[in-house]
Structure formats: structure tokens, C-alpha cells
Amino acid sequence: MVKQDSKNGNSVFVCEACGFAYREQAWAEKCQAWCAKHKSCNVLITRHAVQ
């Protein structure tokens, strides 16, 4: 389960495995699933992360 947080006044969803934050919950869930399975990050997923 990803957690919901706030960054710069905007709601974001955070991958609990690596800490990357996303505007859309679906991307955070994909990130977390990838991190859990492969113990690494996927550049095609993390490019959707917010700074």
C-alpha cells in the first residue's frame, strides 16, 4: 500500500519502498510493486515521479 502525503501543498502518493512521490496513485503502486519484486527502481516508472 502506498501512502498519501503532501508536497508543496499538493497531494502526492509515495512508494514506501524507495520514497519516490507521484501525483497519480497508479504510478506509485506500479513503483512499489516493481521495487518489491526486483529490489531496484525502473526508469520508465520513476520518470513520472515529482520532485
C-alpha atoms as a PDB file:
ATOM      1  CA  MET A   1       0.000   0.000   0.000  1.00  0.00           C
ATOM      2  CA  VAL A   2       1.356   3.409  -0.932  1.00  0.00           C
ATOM      3  CA  LYS A   3       0.949   6.310   1.441  1.00  0.00           C
ATOM      4  CA  GLN A   4      -0.623   9.656   0.678  1.00  0.00           C
ATOM      5  CA  ASP A   5       1.359  12.754   1.608  1.00  0.00           C
ATOM      6  CA  SER A   6       1.547  16.447   0.806  1.00  0.00           C
ATOM      7  CA  LYS A   7       4.377  18.196  -1.033  1.00  0.00           C
ATOM      8  CA  ASN A   8       4.349  21.927  -1.657  1.00  0.00           C
ATOM      9  CA  GLY A   9       0.635  21.972  -0.881  1.00  0.00           C
ATOM     10  CA  ASN A  10      -0.152  19.246  -3.422  1.00  0.00           C
ATOM     11  CA  SER A  11      -1.356  15.751  -2.621  1.00  0.00           C
ATOM     12  CA  VAL A  12       1.099  13.034  -3.693  1.00  0.00           C
ATOM     13  CA  PHE A  13       1.367   9.275  -3.337  1.00  0.00           C
ATOM     14  CA  VAL A  14       4.660   7.871  -2.070  1.00  0.00           C
ATOM     15  CA  CYS A  15       6.239   4.497  -2.770  1.00  0.00           C
ATOM     16  CA  GLU A  16       7.143   3.166   0.674  1.00  0.00           C
ATOM     17  CA  ALA A  17       9.979   1.064  -0.749  1.00  0.00           C
ATOM     18  CA  CYS A  18      12.075   3.809  -2.375  1.00  0.00           C
ATOM     19  CA  GLY A  19      10.407   7.079  -1.349  1.00  0.00           C
ATOM     20  CA  PHE A  20       9.610   8.440  -4.806  1.00  0.00           C
ATOM     21  CA  ALA A  21       6.420  10.552  -4.892  1.00  0.00           C
ATOM     22  CA  TYR A  22       3.834  10.604  -7.681  1.00  0.00           C
ATOM     23  CA  ARG A  23       0.783  12.746  -8.471  1.00  0.00           C
ATOM     24  CA  GLU A  24      -1.186   9.666  -9.513  1.00  0.00           C
ATOM     25  CA  GLN A  25      -1.751   6.743  -7.182  1.00  0.00           C
ATOM     26  CA  ALA A  26      -1.455   4.240 -10.038  1.00  0.00           C
ATOM     27  CA  TRP A  27       2.178   5.200 -10.715  1.00  0.00           C
ATOM     28  CA  ALA A  28       3.070   4.929  -7.025  1.00  0.00           C
ATOM     29  CA  GLU A  29       1.519   1.466  -6.897  1.00  0.00           C
ATOM     30  CA  LYS A  30       3.425   0.376 -10.011  1.00  0.00           C
ATOM     31  CA  CYS A  31       6.635   1.723  -8.488  1.00  0.00           C
ATOM     32  CA  GLN A  32       6.081  -0.080  -5.214  1.00  0.00           C
ATOM     33  CA  ALA A  33       5.266  -3.359  -6.977  1.00  0.00           C
ATOM     34  CA  TRP A  34       8.433  -3.084  -9.090  1.00  0.00           C
ATOM     35  CA  CYS A  35      10.605  -2.189  -6.092  1.00  0.00           C
ATOM     36  CA  ALA A  36       9.274  -5.103  -4.068  1.00  0.00           C
ATOM     37  CA  LYS A  37       9.749  -7.635  -6.846  1.00  0.00           C
ATOM     38  CA  HIS A  38      13.098  -6.507  -8.297  1.00  0.00           C
ATOM     39  CA  LYS A  39      14.724  -4.654  -5.367  1.00  0.00           C
ATOM     40  CA  SER A  40      15.507  -1.796  -7.761  1.00  0.00           C
ATOM     41  CA  CYS A  41      13.862   1.170  -9.476  1.00  0.00           C
ATOM     42  CA  ASN A  42      12.532   1.245 -13.028  1.00  0.00           C
ATOM     43  CA  VAL A  43      13.411   4.362 -15.041  1.00  0.00           C
ATOM     44  CA  LEU A  44      10.211   4.070 -17.091  1.00  0.00           C
ATOM     45  CA  ILE A  45       8.199   4.350 -13.885  1.00  0.00           C
ATOM     46  CA  THR A  46      10.332   6.838 -11.953  1.00  0.00           C
ATOM     47  CA  ARG A  47      10.256   9.373 -14.769  1.00  0.00           C
ATOM     48  CA  HIS A  48       6.672  10.085 -13.633  1.00  0.00           C
ATOM     49  CA  ALA A  49       7.847  10.991 -10.110  1.00  0.00           C
ATOM     50  CA  VAL A  50       7.551  14.566  -8.849  1.00  0.00           C
ATOM     51  CA  GLN A  51      10.469  16.450  -7.365  1.00  0.00           C
END
